[in-house]
């Protein structure tokens, strides 16, 4: 069953809590362990003129693949830092990534503003 968009956005804002895996070969890039390497790329990227219901269904299927991936957090951070404009990366759609990035920017501005206030008050 599809979740309403507001629920997935709330979940997307909270980073997944996964234990970092330090046994990985540090020489190999994170994506060599990605579960999606074994799946059809079409699941993660929209075909042109895809109907909304089909897109939502495809995105949910892609997110289920991401949910079982050992490098989901690394993938998500890659997509947020690049930023990747299309597809499902790290369990987030492009729209969800834009929301996460906007929240991060807003939080950074608030922290800078608070730091300036602390410095001014101390002086």
N, C-alpha and C. Protein backbone atom coordinates (compact mmCIF):
# COMPACT_ATOMS: atom_id res chain seq x y z
N UNK A 1 0.85 -1.18 0.00
CA UNK A 1 0.00 0.00 0.00
C UNK A 1 0.89 1.24 0.00
N UNK A 2 0.54 2.22 -0.77
CA UNK A 2 1.32 3.44 -0.86
C UNK A 2 1.07 4.31 0.35
N UNK A 3 2.15 4.96 0.82
CA UNK A 3 2.01 5.89 1.94
C UNK A 3 1.67 7.26 1.38
N UNK A 4 0.90 8.03 2.15
CA UNK A 4 0.68 9.41 1.72
C UNK A 4 2.03 10.12 1.65
N UNK A 5 2.21 11.05 0.71
CA UNK A 5 3.50 11.70 0.53
C UNK A 5 4.06 12.35 1.78
N UNK A 6 3.19 12.94 2.63
CA UNK A 6 3.69 13.62 3.81
C UNK A 6 4.38 12.67 4.77
N UNK A 7 3.93 11.42 4.85
CA UNK A 7 4.58 10.47 5.73
C UNK A 7 5.97 10.12 5.22
N UNK A 8 6.10 9.88 3.93
CA UNK A 8 7.41 9.51 3.40
C UNK A 8 8.39 10.67 3.53
N UNK A 9 7.91 11.91 3.42
CA UNK A 9 8.80 13.05 3.58
C UNK A 9 9.26 13.19 5.02
N UNK A 10 8.37 12.91 5.97
CA UNK A 10 8.78 12.98 7.37
C UNK A 10 9.84 11.92 7.64
N UNK A 11 9.65 10.73 7.13
CA UNK A 11 10.62 9.67 7.33
C UNK A 11 11.93 9.99 6.62
N UNK A 12 11.84 10.63 5.46
CA UNK A 12 13.03 10.95 4.69
C UNK A 12 13.92 11.94 5.41
N UNK A 13 13.35 12.79 6.24
CA UNK A 13 14.13 13.81 6.92
C UNK A 13 14.99 13.22 8.03
N UNK A 14 14.64 12.03 8.50
CA UNK A 14 15.38 11.38 9.57
C UNK A 14 16.34 10.39 8.94
N UNK A 15 17.63 10.57 9.14
CA UNK A 15 18.57 9.63 8.53
C UNK A 15 18.35 8.22 9.05
N UNK A 16 18.51 7.27 8.19
CA UNK A 16 18.35 5.88 8.58
C UNK A 16 19.43 5.53 9.60
N UNK A 17 19.05 4.83 10.64
CA UNK A 17 20.00 4.43 11.66
C UNK A 17 20.52 3.04 11.33
N UNK A 18 21.67 2.99 10.75
CA UNK A 18 22.31 1.73 10.42
C UNK A 18 23.70 1.74 11.02
N UNK A 19 24.09 0.60 11.51
CA UNK A 19 25.43 0.50 12.05
C UNK A 19 26.43 0.61 10.91
N UNK A 20 27.44 1.47 11.07
CA UNK A 20 28.43 1.57 10.00
C UNK A 20 29.18 0.26 9.85
N UNK A 21 29.42 -0.10 8.63
CA UNK A 21 30.12 -1.34 8.35
C UNK A 21 31.57 -0.98 8.06
N UNK A 22 32.45 -1.36 8.93
CA UNK A 22 33.87 -1.02 8.78
C UNK A 22 34.66 -2.17 8.16
N UNK A 23 34.03 -3.33 7.96
CA UNK A 23 34.74 -4.47 7.38
C UNK A 23 34.87 -4.36 5.87
N UNK A 24 34.18 -3.41 5.28
CA UNK A 24 34.22 -3.26 3.83
C UNK A 24 35.62 -2.93 3.36
N UNK A 25 35.93 -3.38 2.18
CA UNK A 25 37.19 -3.03 1.55
C UNK A 25 37.17 -1.53 1.30
N UNK A 26 38.02 -0.79 1.97
CA UNK A 26 38.02 0.67 1.86
C UNK A 26 38.42 1.14 0.47
N UNK A 27 39.03 0.27 -0.33
CA UNK A 27 39.43 0.63 -1.68
C UNK A 27 38.24 0.60 -2.64
N UNK A 28 37.27 -0.26 -2.38
CA UNK A 28 36.13 -0.42 -3.28
C UNK A 28 35.11 0.70 -3.04
N UNK A 29 34.56 1.28 -4.11
CA UNK A 29 33.54 2.32 -3.92
C UNK A 29 32.27 1.72 -3.31
N UNK A 30 31.52 2.57 -2.60
CA UNK A 30 30.33 2.11 -1.89
C UNK A 30 29.34 1.42 -2.82
N UNK A 31 29.23 1.90 -4.06
CA UNK A 31 28.19 1.39 -4.95
C UNK A 31 28.44 -0.05 -5.41
N UNK A 32 29.62 -0.59 -5.17
CA UNK A 32 29.85 -1.99 -5.56
C UNK A 32 28.99 -2.94 -4.73
N UNK A 33 28.55 -2.49 -3.54
CA UNK A 33 27.71 -3.32 -2.67
C UNK A 33 26.23 -2.99 -2.79
N UNK A 34 25.88 -2.08 -3.68
CA UNK A 34 24.48 -1.65 -3.79
C UNK A 34 23.60 -2.77 -4.33
N UNK A 35 22.49 -2.99 -3.67
CA UNK A 35 21.53 -4.02 -4.08
C UNK A 35 20.96 -3.70 -5.46
N UNK A 36 20.80 -2.43 -5.77
CA UNK A 36 20.19 -2.04 -7.04
C UNK A 36 21.04 -2.42 -8.25
N UNK A 37 22.29 -2.75 -8.06
CA UNK A 37 23.14 -3.18 -9.18
C UNK A 37 22.60 -4.47 -9.80
N UNK A 38 21.82 -5.21 -9.02
CA UNK A 38 21.27 -6.47 -9.52
C UNK A 38 19.84 -6.31 -10.05
N UNK A 39 19.27 -5.12 -9.91
CA UNK A 39 17.90 -4.88 -10.33
C UNK A 39 17.86 -4.09 -11.63
N UNK A 40 16.70 -4.06 -12.20
CA UNK A 40 16.48 -3.31 -13.44
C UNK A 40 16.59 -1.81 -13.17
N UNK A 41 17.41 -1.11 -13.93
CA UNK A 41 17.59 0.33 -13.73
C UNK A 41 16.28 1.09 -13.94
N UNK A 42 15.39 0.57 -14.77
CA UNK A 42 14.11 1.22 -15.02
C UNK A 42 13.26 1.36 -13.78
N UNK A 43 13.54 0.56 -12.77
CA UNK A 43 12.81 0.66 -11.51
C UNK A 43 13.15 1.96 -10.79
N UNK A 44 14.35 2.47 -10.99
CA UNK A 44 14.84 3.62 -10.25
C UNK A 44 14.73 4.94 -11.01
N UNK A 45 14.49 4.86 -12.31
CA UNK A 45 14.40 6.07 -13.13
C UNK A 45 13.13 6.03 -13.97
N UNK A 46 12.45 7.16 -14.04
CA UNK A 46 11.15 7.25 -14.71
C UNK A 46 11.30 7.25 -16.23
N UNK A 47 10.46 6.47 -16.91
CA UNK A 47 10.39 6.61 -18.36
C UNK A 47 9.65 7.91 -18.69
N UNK A 48 9.84 8.41 -19.87
CA UNK A 48 9.15 9.66 -20.22
C UNK A 48 7.64 9.44 -20.26
N UNK A 49 6.92 10.44 -19.85
CA UNK A 49 5.45 10.45 -19.85
C UNK A 49 4.84 9.29 -19.04
N UNK A 50 5.45 8.96 -17.93
CA UNK A 50 4.94 7.90 -17.06
C UNK A 50 3.71 8.40 -16.31
N UNK A 51 2.60 7.67 -16.33
CA UNK A 51 1.41 8.07 -15.57
C UNK A 51 1.71 8.12 -14.06
N UNK A 52 1.04 9.00 -13.36
CA UNK A 52 1.30 9.21 -11.93
C UNK A 52 1.18 7.93 -11.12
N UNK A 53 0.11 7.16 -11.32
CA UNK A 53 -0.08 5.93 -10.55
C UNK A 53 1.06 4.96 -10.80
N UNK A 54 1.50 4.85 -12.03
CA UNK A 54 2.62 3.96 -12.37
C UNK A 54 3.91 4.45 -11.73
N UNK A 55 4.12 5.77 -11.73
CA UNK A 55 5.32 6.35 -11.13
C UNK A 55 5.36 6.07 -9.63
N UNK A 56 4.25 6.29 -8.96
CA UNK A 56 4.19 6.06 -7.52
C UNK A 56 4.45 4.59 -7.18
N UNK A 57 3.87 3.70 -7.96
CA UNK A 57 4.07 2.27 -7.75
C UNK A 57 5.53 1.89 -7.97
N UNK A 58 6.12 2.41 -9.05
CA UNK A 58 7.52 2.10 -9.37
C UNK A 58 8.44 2.64 -8.28
N UNK A 59 8.19 3.88 -7.82
CA UNK A 59 9.02 4.48 -6.78
C UNK A 59 8.93 3.69 -5.47
N UNK A 60 7.75 3.23 -5.11
CA UNK A 60 7.61 2.42 -3.90
C UNK A 60 8.37 1.11 -4.03
N UNK A 61 8.33 0.49 -5.20
CA UNK A 61 9.09 -0.74 -5.44
C UNK A 61 10.59 -0.47 -5.33
N UNK A 62 11.04 0.64 -5.88
CA UNK A 62 12.46 1.01 -5.79
C UNK A 62 12.85 1.25 -4.33
N UNK A 63 12.00 1.90 -3.57
CA UNK A 63 12.28 2.16 -2.16
C UNK A 63 12.37 0.87 -1.35
N UNK A 64 11.58 -0.14 -1.73
CA UNK A 64 11.67 -1.43 -1.05
C UNK A 64 13.03 -2.07 -1.31
N UNK A 65 13.55 -1.92 -2.51
CA UNK A 65 14.89 -2.42 -2.82
C UNK A 65 15.91 -1.66 -1.97
N UNK A 66 15.78 -0.35 -1.92
CA UNK A 66 16.70 0.48 -1.13
C UNK A 66 16.67 0.10 0.35
N UNK A 67 15.51 -0.22 0.86
CA UNK A 67 15.35 -0.51 2.29
C UNK A 67 16.19 -1.71 2.72
N UNK A 68 16.49 -2.62 1.81
CA UNK A 68 17.28 -3.79 2.18
C UNK A 68 18.75 -3.67 1.76
N UNK A 69 19.14 -2.49 1.32
CA UNK A 69 20.48 -2.27 0.81
C UNK A 69 21.46 -1.92 1.92
N UNK A 70 22.62 -2.55 1.96
CA UNK A 70 23.60 -2.26 3.02
C UNK A 70 24.29 -0.90 2.86
N UNK A 71 24.18 -0.28 1.70
CA UNK A 71 24.84 1.02 1.48
C UNK A 71 23.82 2.13 1.21
N UNK A 72 22.60 1.98 1.75
CA UNK A 72 21.55 2.96 1.51
C UNK A 72 21.96 4.36 1.98
N UNK A 73 22.57 4.46 3.14
CA UNK A 73 22.95 5.76 3.68
C UNK A 73 24.01 6.42 2.80
N UNK A 74 25.00 5.65 2.37
CA UNK A 74 26.04 6.20 1.49
C UNK A 74 25.44 6.66 0.17
N UNK A 75 24.52 5.89 -0.36
CA UNK A 75 23.85 6.22 -1.62
C UNK A 75 23.05 7.52 -1.46
N UNK A 76 22.32 7.62 -0.37
CA UNK A 76 21.51 8.82 -0.11
C UNK A 76 22.40 10.05 -0.01
N UNK A 77 23.48 9.94 0.73
CA UNK A 77 24.38 11.08 0.89
C UNK A 77 25.02 11.46 -0.44
N UNK A 78 25.37 10.47 -1.24
CA UNK A 78 25.91 10.75 -2.57
C UNK A 78 24.91 11.58 -3.37
N UNK A 79 23.66 11.14 -3.38
CA UNK A 79 22.62 11.81 -4.16
C UNK A 79 22.35 13.21 -3.63
N UNK A 80 22.49 13.41 -2.34
CA UNK A 80 22.26 14.74 -1.76
C UNK A 80 23.44 15.68 -2.02
N UNK A 81 24.64 15.14 -2.03
CA UNK A 81 25.83 15.98 -2.21
C UNK A 81 26.10 16.31 -3.67
N UNK A 82 25.69 15.46 -4.61
CA UNK A 82 26.00 15.69 -6.03
C UNK A 82 25.36 16.94 -6.60
N UNK A 83 24.16 17.29 -6.51
CA UNK A 83 22.97 16.49 -6.22
C UNK A 83 22.47 15.77 -7.48
N UNK A 84 21.94 14.59 -7.27
CA UNK A 84 21.38 13.80 -8.37
C UNK A 84 19.97 14.33 -8.65
N UNK A 85 19.68 14.80 -9.86
CA UNK A 85 18.38 15.41 -10.13
C UNK A 85 17.26 14.43 -10.47
N UNK A 86 17.60 13.17 -10.75
CA UNK A 86 16.58 12.21 -11.20
C UNK A 86 16.72 10.89 -10.45
N UNK A 87 15.61 10.18 -10.38
CA UNK A 87 15.62 8.81 -9.89
C UNK A 87 15.50 8.67 -8.39
N UNK A 88 15.40 7.41 -7.97
CA UNK A 88 15.36 7.06 -6.55
C UNK A 88 16.77 6.67 -6.15
N UNK A 89 17.31 7.37 -5.18
CA UNK A 89 18.65 7.13 -4.66
C UNK A 89 18.55 7.07 -3.14
N UNK A 90 19.09 6.04 -2.54
CA UNK A 90 19.09 5.95 -1.08
C UNK A 90 17.70 5.98 -0.48
N UNK A 91 16.73 5.47 -1.22
CA UNK A 91 15.37 5.42 -0.71
C UNK A 91 14.58 6.71 -0.83
N UNK A 92 15.15 7.71 -1.52
CA UNK A 92 14.46 9.00 -1.68
C UNK A 92 14.28 9.33 -3.15
N UNK A 93 13.12 9.88 -3.47
CA UNK A 93 12.87 10.37 -4.83
C UNK A 93 13.56 11.73 -4.97
N UNK A 94 13.61 12.24 -6.19
CA UNK A 94 14.21 13.55 -6.43
C UNK A 94 13.47 14.63 -5.63
N UNK A 95 12.15 14.56 -5.58
CA UNK A 95 11.37 15.56 -4.82
C UNK A 95 11.67 15.46 -3.33
N UNK A 96 11.78 14.26 -2.80
CA UNK A 96 12.10 14.09 -1.38
C UNK A 96 13.50 14.60 -1.07
N UNK A 97 14.43 14.39 -1.99
CA UNK A 97 15.79 14.90 -1.79
C UNK A 97 15.81 16.42 -1.76
N UNK A 98 14.99 17.05 -2.62
CA UNK A 98 14.92 18.52 -2.60
C UNK A 98 14.42 19.02 -1.24
N UNK A 99 13.45 18.32 -0.65
CA UNK A 99 12.94 18.70 0.67
C UNK A 99 14.03 18.55 1.73
N UNK A 100 14.75 17.43 1.69
CA UNK A 100 15.82 17.21 2.66
C UNK A 100 16.89 18.29 2.53
N UNK A 101 17.27 18.61 1.29
CA UNK A 101 18.29 19.65 1.08
C UNK A 101 17.81 21.01 1.58
N UNK A 102 16.54 21.33 1.34
CA UNK A 102 16.00 22.61 1.82
C UNK A 102 16.01 22.65 3.34
N UNK A 103 15.67 21.55 3.98
CA UNK A 103 15.69 21.49 5.46
C UNK A 103 17.11 21.64 5.97
N UNK A 104 18.07 20.99 5.31
CA UNK A 104 19.47 21.12 5.73
C UNK A 104 19.94 22.56 5.60
N UNK A 105 19.61 23.22 4.48
CA UNK A 105 20.02 24.61 4.30
C UNK A 105 19.41 25.50 5.37
N UNK A 106 18.12 25.28 5.65
CA UNK A 106 17.44 26.08 6.68
C UNK A 106 18.08 25.85 8.05
N UNK A 107 18.40 24.61 8.38
CA UNK A 107 19.03 24.29 9.66
C UNK A 107 20.42 24.94 9.75
N UNK A 108 21.19 24.91 8.65
CA UNK A 108 22.51 25.54 8.64
C UNK A 108 22.40 27.04 8.88
N UNK A 109 21.42 27.67 8.24
CA UNK A 109 21.22 29.11 8.44
C UNK A 109 20.85 29.41 9.89
N UNK A 110 19.99 28.58 10.48
CA UNK A 110 19.58 28.78 11.86
C UNK A 110 20.77 28.62 12.80
N UNK A 111 21.63 27.63 12.53
CA UNK A 111 22.81 27.42 13.37
C UNK A 111 23.78 28.58 13.25
N UNK A 112 23.98 29.10 12.04
CA UNK A 112 24.86 30.26 11.85
C UNK A 112 24.31 31.47 12.57
N UNK A 113 23.01 31.66 12.47
CA UNK A 113 22.36 32.80 13.13
C UNK A 113 22.50 32.68 14.65
N UNK A 114 22.31 31.49 15.18
CA UNK A 114 22.43 31.26 16.62
C UNK A 114 23.88 31.46 17.07
N UNK A 115 24.83 31.04 16.26
CA UNK A 115 26.25 31.22 16.60
C UNK A 115 26.61 32.70 16.63
N UNK A 116 26.09 33.48 15.68
CA UNK A 116 26.35 34.92 15.67
C UNK A 116 25.75 35.57 16.93
N UNK A 117 24.57 35.12 17.33
CA UNK A 117 23.93 35.65 18.51
C UNK A 117 24.70 35.33 19.79
N UNK A 118 25.28 34.15 19.84
CA UNK A 118 26.08 33.74 20.99
C UNK A 118 27.36 34.56 21.08
N UNK A 119 27.99 34.79 19.93
CA UNK A 119 29.21 35.59 19.90
C UNK A 119 28.91 37.03 20.30
N UNK A 120 27.82 37.60 19.80
CA UNK A 120 27.44 38.97 20.13
C UNK A 120 27.13 39.11 21.62
N UNK A 121 26.48 38.11 22.20
CA UNK A 121 26.11 38.16 23.61
C UNK A 121 27.33 38.03 24.51
N UNK A 122 28.34 37.29 24.03
CA UNK A 122 29.56 37.08 24.83
C UNK A 122 30.45 38.31 24.80
N UNK A 123 30.29 39.12 23.77
CA UNK A 123 31.20 40.26 23.56
C UNK A 123 30.82 41.48 24.28
